[in-house]
Amino acid sequence: MRIDKYLKYVNIVKRRAIAEDMCKNGVISIDGKVVKPSKNVQVGDIITITYLERSVKYEVLQMPNTKTILKTEQNRYVKEMV
């Protein structure tokens, strides 16, 4: 699954277009490498989102089967790393 779709489906970003822009501006990386919006995500990947003042890392736990998941089920698909 593409990184922009994954971020939208697991409720990390609100819209796919935002995730796409973040990738194009070098804000999102997978396993330490800056990626394009079309990069495929796999279970076990570490996604890093670099904001102005901090970075947030997420570990991919599983792929969603549907386009929308409940916010309460987000922890089944992605785990925020501290």
PDB file of N, CA and C in Angstrom:
ATOM      1  N   MET A   1       0.847  -1.170   0.000  1.00  0.00           N
ATOM      2  CA  MET A   1       0.000   0.000   0.000  1.00  0.00           C
ATOM      3  C   MET A   1       0.902   1.245   0.000  1.00  0.00           C
ATOM      4  N   ARG A   2       0.510   2.243  -0.755  1.00  0.00           N
ATOM      5  CA  ARG A   2       1.265   3.490  -0.850  1.00  0.00           C
ATOM      6  C   ARG A   2       1.302   4.212   0.494  1.00  0.00           C
ATOM      7  N   ILE A   3       2.394   4.930   0.760  1.00  0.00           N
ATOM      8  CA  ILE A   3       2.554   5.637   2.031  1.00  0.00           C
ATOM      9  C   ILE A   3       1.487   6.714   2.217  1.00  0.00           C
ATOM     10  N   ASP A   4       1.132   7.440   1.151  1.00  0.00           N
ATOM     11  CA  ASP A   4       0.122   8.485   1.309  1.00  0.00           C
ATOM     12  C   ASP A   4      -1.246   7.895   1.660  1.00  0.00           C
ATOM     13  N   LYS A   5      -1.594   6.779   1.046  1.00  0.00           N
ATOM     14  CA  LYS A   5      -2.859   6.117   1.373  1.00  0.00           C
ATOM     15  C   LYS A   5      -2.831   5.561   2.792  1.00  0.00           C
ATOM     16  N   TYR A   6      -1.713   4.952   3.175  1.00  0.00           N
ATOM     17  CA  TYR A   6      -1.606   4.352   4.500  1.00  0.00           C
ATOM     18  C   TYR A   6      -1.800   5.400   5.601  1.00  0.00           C
ATOM     19  N   LEU A   7      -1.140   6.540   5.452  1.00  0.00           N
ATOM     20  CA  LEU A   7      -1.264   7.589   6.459  1.00  0.00           C
ATOM     21  C   LEU A   7      -2.694   8.096   6.578  1.00  0.00           C
ATOM     22  N   LYS A   8      -3.397   8.165   5.478  1.00  0.00           N
ATOM     23  CA  LYS A   8      -4.800   8.585   5.493  1.00  0.00           C
ATOM     24  C   LYS A   8      -5.676   7.504   6.123  1.00  0.00           C
ATOM     25  N   TYR A   9      -5.506   6.267   5.715  1.00  0.00           N
ATOM     26  CA  TYR A   9      -6.370   5.181   6.185  1.00  0.00           C
ATOM     27  C   TYR A   9      -6.245   4.920   7.679  1.00  0.00           C
ATOM     28  N   VAL A  10      -5.050   5.114   8.250  1.00  0.00           N
ATOM     29  CA  VAL A  10      -4.870   4.858   9.686  1.00  0.00           C
ATOM     30  C   VAL A  10      -5.001   6.140  10.519  1.00  0.00           C
ATOM     31  N   ASN A  11      -5.524   7.187   9.922  1.00  0.00           N
ATOM     32  CA  ASN A  11      -5.879   8.435  10.615  1.00  0.00           C
ATOM     33  C   ASN A  11      -4.680   9.193  11.180  1.00  0.00           C
ATOM     34  N   ILE A  12      -3.549   9.141  10.521  1.00  0.00           N
ATOM     35  CA  ILE A  12      -2.412   9.964  10.946  1.00  0.00           C
ATOM     36  C   ILE A  12      -2.542  11.356  10.320  1.00  0.00           C
ATOM     37  N   VAL A  13      -3.006  11.406   9.079  1.00  0.00           N
ATOM     38  CA  VAL A  13      -3.326  12.688   8.431  1.00  0.00           C
ATOM     39  C   VAL A  13      -4.788  12.649   8.004  1.00  0.00           C
ATOM     40  N   LYS A  14      -5.378  13.842   7.822  1.00  0.00           N
ATOM     41  CA  LYS A  14      -6.803  13.900   7.503  1.00  0.00           C
ATOM     42  C   LYS A  14      -7.112  13.637   6.034  1.00  0.00           C
ATOM     43  N   ARG A  15      -6.193  14.075   5.156  1.00  0.00           N
ATOM     44  CA  ARG A  15      -6.437  13.908   3.723  1.00  0.00           C
ATOM     45  C   ARG A  15      -5.205  13.354   3.041  1.00  0.00           C
ATOM     46  N   ARG A  16      -5.433  12.592   1.993  1.00  0.00           N
ATOM     47  CA  ARG A  16      -4.334  11.997   1.237  1.00  0.00           C
ATOM     48  C   ARG A  16      -3.482  13.072   0.574  1.00  0.00           C
ATOM     49  N   ALA A  17      -4.102  14.150   0.154  1.00  0.00           N
ATOM     50  CA  ALA A  17      -3.362  15.237  -0.491  1.00  0.00           C
ATOM     51  C   ALA A  17      -2.342  15.854   0.467  1.00  0.00           C
ATOM     52  N   ILE A  18      -2.681  15.903   1.736  1.00  0.00           N
ATOM     53  CA  ILE A  18      -1.745  16.425   2.737  1.00  0.00           C
ATOM     54  C   ILE A  18      -0.552  15.482   2.859  1.00  0.00           C
ATOM     55  N   ALA A  19      -0.813  14.191   2.930  1.00  0.00           N
ATOM     56  CA  ALA A  19       0.264  13.201   3.012  1.00  0.00           C
ATOM     57  C   ALA A  19       1.150  13.273   1.770  1.00  0.00           C
ATOM     58  N   GLU A  20       0.535  13.476   0.622  1.00  0.00           N
ATOM     59  CA  GLU A  20       1.279  13.594  -0.639  1.00  0.00           C
ATOM     60  C   GLU A  20       2.218  14.797  -0.602  1.00  0.00           C
ATOM     61  N   ASP A  21       1.699  15.940  -0.150  1.00  0.00           N
ATOM     62  CA  ASP A  21       2.518  17.151  -0.049  1.00  0.00           C
ATOM     63  C   ASP A  21       3.652  16.982   0.958  1.00  0.00           C
ATOM     64  N   MET A  22       3.368  16.305   2.065  1.00  0.00           N
ATOM     65  CA  MET A  22       4.400  16.069   3.072  1.00  0.00           C
ATOM     66  C   MET A  22       5.542  15.236   2.487  1.00  0.00           C
ATOM     67  N   CYS A  23       5.194  14.233   1.700  1.00  0.00           N
ATOM     68  CA  CYS A  23       6.225  13.396   1.059  1.00  0.00           C
ATOM     69  C   CYS A  23       7.043  14.209   0.068  1.00  0.00           C
ATOM     70  N   LYS A  24       6.374  15.013  -0.728  1.00  0.00           N
ATOM     71  CA  LYS A  24       7.066  15.811  -1.749  1.00  0.00           C
ATOM     72  C   LYS A  24       8.003  16.846  -1.134  1.00  0.00           C
ATOM     73  N   ASN A  25       7.692  17.275   0.095  1.00  0.00           N
ATOM     74  CA  ASN A  25       8.525  18.271   0.777  1.00  0.00           C
ATOM     75  C   ASN A  25       9.574  17.640   1.683  1.00  0.00           C
ATOM     76  N   GLY A  26       9.707  16.323   1.653  1.00  0.00           N
ATOM     77  CA  GLY A  26      10.758  15.648   2.402  1.00  0.00           C
ATOM     78  C   GLY A  26      10.503  15.509   3.887  1.00  0.00           C
ATOM     79  N   VAL A  27       9.255  15.588   4.297  1.00  0.00           N
ATOM     80  CA  VAL A  27       8.897  15.514   5.717  1.00  0.00           C
ATOM     81  C   VAL A  27       8.767  14.067   6.195  1.00  0.00           C
ATOM     82  N   ILE A  28       8.424  13.150   5.292  1.00  0.00           N
ATOM     83  CA  ILE A  28       8.167  11.761   5.667  1.00  0.00           C
ATOM     84  C   ILE A  28       9.308  10.863   5.178  1.00  0.00           C
ATOM     85  N   SER A  29       9.760  10.002   6.084  1.00  0.00           N
ATOM     86  CA  SER A  29      10.784   9.031   5.713  1.00  0.00           C
ATOM     87  C   SER A  29      10.403   7.662   6.249  1.00  0.00           C
ATOM     88  N   ILE A  30      10.870   6.639   5.559  1.00  0.00           N
ATOM     89  CA  ILE A  30      10.654   5.253   5.977  1.00  0.00           C
ATOM     90  C   ILE A  30      12.028   4.639   6.189  1.00  0.00           C
ATOM     91  N   ASP A  31      12.242   4.122   7.391  1.00  0.00           N
ATOM     92  CA  ASP A  31      13.515   3.516   7.767  1.00  0.00           C
ATOM     93  C   ASP A  31      14.700   4.435   7.462  1.00  0.00           C
ATOM     94  N   GLY A  32      14.519   5.746   7.718  1.00  0.00           N
ATOM     95  CA  GLY A  32      15.607   6.709   7.555  1.00  0.00           C
ATOM     96  C   GLY A  32      15.788   7.278   6.168  1.00  0.00           C
ATOM     97  N   LYS A  33      14.975   6.879   5.195  1.00  0.00           N
ATOM     98  CA  LYS A  33      15.100   7.381   3.826  1.00  0.00           C
ATOM     99  C   LYS A  33      13.859   8.199   3.466  1.00  0.00           C
ATOM    100  N   VAL A  34      14.076   9.416   2.974  1.00  0.00           N
ATOM    101  CA  VAL A  34      12.976  10.261   2.529  1.00  0.00           C
ATOM    102  C   VAL A  34      12.315   9.584   1.338  1.00  0.00           C
ATOM    103  N   VAL A  35      10.984   9.563   1.326  1.00  0.00           N
ATOM    104  CA  VAL A  35      10.258   8.801   0.313  1.00  0.00           C
ATOM    105  C   VAL A  35       9.298   9.671  -0.489  1.00  0.00           C
ATOM    106  N   LYS A  36       8.933   9.160  -1.657  1.00  0.00           N
ATOM    107  CA  LYS A  36       7.916   9.758  -2.502  1.00  0.00           C
ATOM    108  C   LYS A  36       6.552   9.221  -2.072  1.00  0.00           C
ATOM    109  N   PRO A  37       5.449   9.872  -2.473  1.00  0.00           N
ATOM    110  CA  PRO A  37       4.111   9.413  -2.093  1.00  0.00           C
ATOM    111  C   PRO A  37       3.782   8.005  -2.585  1.00  0.00           C
ATOM    112  N   SER A  38       4.453   7.538  -3.614  1.00  0.00           N
ATOM    113  CA  SER A  38       4.143   6.233  -4.191  1.00  0.00           C
ATOM    114  C   SER A  38       4.895   5.079  -3.526  1.00  0.00           C
ATOM    115  N   LYS A  39       5.748   5.371  -2.550  1.00  0.00           N
ATOM    116  CA  LYS A  39       6.530   4.325  -1.873  1.00  0.00           C
ATOM    117  C   LYS A  39       5.602   3.364  -1.138  1.00  0.00           C
ATOM    118  N   ASN A  40       5.830   2.069  -1.324  1.00  0.00           N
ATOM    119  CA  ASN A  40       5.010   1.063  -0.659  1.00  0.00           C
ATOM    120  C   ASN A  40       5.455   0.864   0.783  1.00  0.00           C
ATOM    121  N   VAL A  41       4.468   0.710   1.660  1.00  0.00           N
ATOM    122  CA  VAL A  41       4.709   0.474   3.081  1.00  0.00           C
ATOM    123  C   VAL A  41       4.516  -1.007   3.353  1.00  0.00           C
ATOM    124  N   GLN A  42       5.366  -1.570   4.217  1.00  0.00           N
ATOM    125  CA  GLN A  42       5.243  -2.974   4.598  1.00  0.00           C
ATOM    126  C   GLN A  42       5.208  -3.070   6.111  1.00  0.00           C
ATOM    127  N   VAL A  43       4.686  -4.181   6.604  1.00  0.00           N
ATOM    128  CA  VAL A  43       4.648  -4.420   8.045  1.00  0.00           C
ATOM    129  C   VAL A  43       6.073  -4.426   8.585  1.00  0.00           C
ATOM    130  N   GLY A  44       6.283  -3.697   9.676  1.00  0.00           N
ATOM    131  CA  GLY A  44       7.607  -3.617  10.280  1.00  0.00           C
ATOM    132  C   GLY A  44       8.362  -2.350   9.931  1.00  0.00           C
ATOM    133  N   ASP A  45       7.901  -1.598   8.930  1.00  0.00           N
ATOM    134  CA  ASP A  45       8.561  -0.345   8.563  1.00  0.00           C
ATOM    135  C   ASP A  45       8.413   0.687   9.680  1.00  0.00           C
ATOM    136  N   ILE A  46       9.395   1.560   9.801  1.00  0.00           N
ATOM    137  CA  ILE A  46       9.352   2.673  10.745  1.00  0.00           C
ATOM    138  C   ILE A  46       9.158   3.953   9.938  1.00  0.00           C
ATOM    139  N   ILE A  47       8.013   4.603  10.135  1.00  0.00           N
ATOM    140  CA  ILE A  47       7.683   5.846   9.439  1.00  0.00           C
ATOM    141  C   ILE A  47       8.035   7.001  10.364  1.00  0.00           C
ATOM    142  N   THR A  48       8.815   7.949   9.861  1.00  0.00           N
ATOM    143  CA  THR A  48       9.171   9.133  10.643  1.00  0.00           C
ATOM    144  C   THR A  48       8.579  10.364   9.968  1.00  0.00           C
ATOM    145  N   ILE A  49       7.851  11.160  10.754  1.00  0.00           N
ATOM    146  CA  ILE A  49       7.304  12.425  10.271  1.00  0.00           C
ATOM    147  C   ILE A  49       8.019  13.532  11.027  1.00  0.00           C
ATOM    148  N   THR A  50       8.713  14.397  10.295  1.00  0.00           N
ATOM    149  CA  THR A  50       9.493  15.468  10.899  1.00  0.00           C
ATOM    150  C   THR A  50       8.707  16.775  10.806  1.00  0.00           C
ATOM    151  N   TYR A  51       8.261  17.237  11.971  1.00  0.00           N
ATOM    152  CA  TYR A  51       7.577  18.531  12.059  1.00  0.00           C
ATOM    153  C   TYR A  51       8.628  19.603  12.351  1.00  0.00           C
ATOM    154  N   LEU A  52       8.219  20.845  12.482  1.00  0.00           N
ATOM    155  CA  LEU A  52       9.169  21.933  12.718  1.00  0.00           C
ATOM    156  C   LEU A  52       9.946  21.753  14.015  1.00  0.00           C
ATOM    157  N   GLU A  53       9.271  21.359  15.085  1.00  0.00           N
ATOM    158  CA  GLU A  53       9.924  21.308  16.389  1.00  0.00           C
ATOM    159  C   GLU A  53      10.196  19.904  16.910  1.00  0.00           C
ATOM    160  N   ARG A  54       9.654  18.883  16.257  1.00  0.00           N
ATOM    161  CA  ARG A  54       9.849  17.523  16.748  1.00  0.00           C
ATOM    162  C   ARG A  54       9.633  16.516  15.626  1.00  0.00           C
ATOM    163  N   SER A  55      10.039  15.296  15.900  1.00  0.00           N
ATOM    164  CA  SER A  55       9.809  14.187  14.974  1.00  0.00           C
ATOM    165  C   SER A  55       8.972  13.128  15.683  1.00  0.00           C
ATOM    166  N   VAL A  56       8.088  12.489  14.927  1.00  0.00           N
ATOM    167  CA  VAL A  56       7.255  11.422  15.470  1.00  0.00           C
ATOM    168  C   VAL A  56       7.519  10.169  14.649  1.00  0.00           C
ATOM    169  N   LYS A  57       7.744   9.048  15.344  1.00  0.00           N
ATOM    170  CA  LYS A  57       8.002   7.777  14.663  1.00  0.00           C
ATOM    171  C   LYS A  57       6.840   6.832  14.910  1.00  0.00           C
ATOM    172  N   TYR A  58       6.474   6.105  13.849  1.00  0.00           N
ATOM    173  CA  TYR A  58       5.406   5.115  13.925  1.00  0.00           C
ATOM    174  C   TYR A  58       5.928   3.793  13.372  1.00  0.00           C
ATOM    175  N   GLU A  59       5.532   2.711  14.000  1.00  0.00           N
ATOM    176  CA  GLU A  59       5.847   1.384  13.489  1.00  0.00           C
ATOM    177  C   GLU A  59       4.598   0.808  12.845  1.00  0.00           C
ATOM    178  N   VAL A  60       4.732   0.284  11.637  1.00  0.00           N
ATOM    179  CA  VAL A  60       3.605  -0.307  10.913  1.00  0.00           C
ATOM    180  C   VAL A  60       3.367  -1.716  11.470  1.00  0.00           C
ATOM    181  N   LEU A  61       2.171  -1.948  12.008  1.00  0.00           N
ATOM    182  CA  LEU A  61       1.838  -3.243  12.586  1.00  0.00           C
ATOM    183  C   LEU A  61       1.079  -4.148  11.625  1.00  0.00           C
ATOM    184  N   GLN A  62       0.143  -3.554  10.865  1.00  0.00           N
ATOM    185  CA  GLN A  62      -0.590  -4.314   9.855  1.00  0.00           C
ATOM    186  C   GLN A  62      -1.226  -3.359   8.869  1.00  0.00           C
ATOM    187  N   MET A  63      -1.671  -3.903   7.750  1.00  0.00           N
ATOM    188  CA  MET A  63      -2.297  -3.105   6.700  1.00  0.00           C
ATOM    189  C   MET A  63      -3.815  -3.116   6.879  1.00  0.00           C
ATOM    190  N   PRO A  64      -4.453  -1.959   6.745  1.00  0.00           N
ATOM    191  CA  PRO A  64      -5.914  -1.929   6.830  1.00  0.00           C
ATOM    192  C   PRO A  64      -6.542  -2.544   5.582  1.00  0.00           C
ATOM    193  N   ASN A  65      -7.698  -3.191   5.776  1.00  0.00           N
ATOM    194  CA  ASN A  65      -8.423  -3.800   4.659  1.00  0.00           C
ATOM    195  C   ASN A  65      -9.430  -2.849   4.045  1.00  0.00           C
ATOM    196  N   THR A  66      -9.804  -1.814   4.781  1.00  0.00           N
ATOM    197  CA  THR A  66     -10.809  -0.859   4.309  1.00  0.00           C
ATOM    198  C   THR A  66     -10.197   0.542   4.248  1.00  0.00           C
ATOM    199  N   LYS A  67     -10.912   1.445   3.583  1.00  0.00           N
ATOM    200  CA  LYS A  67     -10.423   2.811   3.448  1.00  0.00           C
ATOM    201  C   LYS A  67     -10.544   3.598   4.745  1.00  0.00           C
ATOM    202  N   THR A  68     -11.446   3.217   5.599  1.00  0.00           N
ATOM    203  CA  THR A  68     -11.621   3.936   6.853  1.00  0.00           C
ATOM    204  C   THR A  68     -11.597   2.961   8.020  1.00  0.00           C
ATOM    205  N   ILE A  69     -10.922   3.377   9.072  1.00  0.00           N
ATOM    206  CA  ILE A  69     -10.936   2.606  10.309  1.00  0.00           C
ATOM    207  C   ILE A  69     -11.334   3.565  11.427  1.00  0.00           C
ATOM    208  N   LEU A  70     -11.818   3.015  12.513  1.00  0.00           N
ATOM    209  CA  LEU A  70     -12.190   3.838  13.646  1.00  0.00           C
ATOM    210  C   LEU A  70     -10.936   4.334  14.350  1.00  0.00           C
ATOM    211  N   LYS A  71     -11.007   5.549  14.914  1.00  0.00           N
ATOM    212  CA  LYS A  71      -9.863   6.096  15.659  1.00  0.00           C
ATOM    213  C   LYS A  71      -9.476   5.171  16.804  1.00  0.00           C
ATOM    214  N   THR A  72     -10.463   4.505  17.388  1.00  0.00           N
ATOM    215  CA  THR A  72     -10.195   3.615  18.517  1.00  0.00           C
ATOM    216  C   THR A  72      -9.432   2.359  18.091  1.00  0.00           C
ATOM    217  N   GLU A  73      -9.454   2.021  16.804  1.00  0.00           N
ATOM    218  CA  GLU A  73      -8.752   0.846  16.294  1.00  0.00           C
ATOM    219  C   GLU A  73      -7.388   1.186  15.693  1.00  0.00           C
ATOM    220  N   GLN A  74      -6.982   2.441  15.776  1.00  0.00           N
ATOM    221  CA  GLN A  74      -5.725   2.874  15.174  1.00  0.00           C
ATOM    222  C   GLN A  74      -4.537   2.101  15.735  1.00  0.00           C
ATOM    223  N   ASN A  75      -4.566   1.757  17.024  1.00  0.00           N
ATOM    224  CA  ASN A  75      -3.426   1.069  17.635  1.00  0.00           C
ATOM    225  C   ASN A  75      -3.246  -0.364  17.123  1.00  0.00           C
ATOM    226  N   ARG A  76      -4.197  -0.906  16.395  1.00  0.00           N
ATOM    227  CA  ARG A  76      -4.040  -2.223  15.768  1.00  0.00           C
ATOM    228  C   ARG A  76      -3.179  -2.151  14.511  1.00  0.00           C
ATOM    229  N   TYR A  77      -3.125  -0.975  13.899  1.00  0.00           N
ATOM    230  CA  TYR A  77      -2.448  -0.815  12.610  1.00  0.00           C
ATOM    231  C   TYR A  77      -1.106  -0.103  12.700  1.00  0.00           C
ATOM    232  N   VAL A  78      -0.974   0.789  13.683  1.00  0.00           N
ATOM    233  CA  VAL A  78       0.243   1.581  13.810  1.00  0.00           C
ATOM    234  C   VAL A  78       0.517   1.861  15.286  1.00  0.00           C
ATOM    235  N   LYS A  79       1.818   1.855  15.644  1.00  0.00           N
ATOM    236  CA  LYS A  79       2.205   2.109  17.031  1.00  0.00           C
ATOM    237  C   LYS A  79       3.154   3.290  17.057  1.00  0.00           C
ATOM    238  N   GLU A  80       2.811   4.315  17.851  1.00  0.00           N
ATOM    239  CA  GLU A  80       3.686   5.475  17.988  1.00  0.00           C
ATOM    240  C   GLU A  80       4.853   5.082  18.894  1.00  0.00           C
ATOM    241  N   MET A  81       6.046   5.371  18.418  1.00  0.00           N
ATOM    242  CA  MET A  81       7.252   5.009  19.168  1.00  0.00           C
ATOM    243  C   MET A  81       7.730   6.220  19.956  1.00  0.00           C
ATOM    244  N   VAL A  82       8.196   6.000  21.155  1.00  0.00           N
ATOM    245  CA  VAL A  82       8.644   7.095  22.011  1.00  0.00           C
ATOM    246  C   VAL A  82      10.141   7.227  21.981  1.00  0.00           C
TER     247      VAL A  82
END
